[in-house]
C-alpha cells in the first residue's frame, strides 16, 4: 500500500522566516497553516512531510538540536488543532561550505523527497510539493510531484522566470488556505 503526500518547504512556507530561525519560541505559523494541514489529512488522508534546506547548520548559525526543537515546536502548535506533520527531512549542507557528495540532499535535488517516499511508502505521482522559492518548484519537477508555489509576497519576477523557463507551477497562491483548497480539489479530481 502506498500513500499520497504533500511535501512542504518550511521557512517562508509554513512559518515566518526571521532569517536562520534559531529559537523555538520564535516559531510563528502563517495564517491557515494548522487548519489547512488538518484539512489535507482529514479530507484526503495525505501524509504531510517537510523538506527544507537548513544551511544555517553548516554555517555554524544553528545546530541540529535547535532544528529538531523547532520541528517539535511546529508540531506542538499543530497539536492544538489536532494535527501534525508526519515527518521532517532537512539538508544541513551548502555548496559554499561542503563537498558535492554532502550537498546531494539540497533542493532542488529530489533527494529528500525520494528518501521520504521510500521510508514512508509514498506514491509521488499523486503527491505535491508546496514552496516559496525557485528551488522548491524545480525540486518538485525533479521528483515527479506536482509543484505548487505559495507566493505570499506577490513575487512577479519569480513567476515570470518560471514561466520563461517552462517550469510553471501547477498552481500559484497568495495564501495557505488557497493552496490546500487547490490540492484537495485537484487530488479528488484525480481519483474520479
Foldseek 3Di string as FASTA:
>chain_A
DAAAAEEEEPDPTQFDPPDLDQALVPTDGFPPNLVLQVCCCPLVVHQYEYEYERLCCLVVNHHPVSVVSNQVSQQVVSVVVVGHHRYYHYQNHDVVRDDPVRCCSPFVRLNVVVVCCVVRVHDQCLYEYEYAAPRRLSSNVNNNHAYEHAHLPPPVVRQVVCVVVVSHGPYYHNGDNVVSVVSSVVNVVVVD
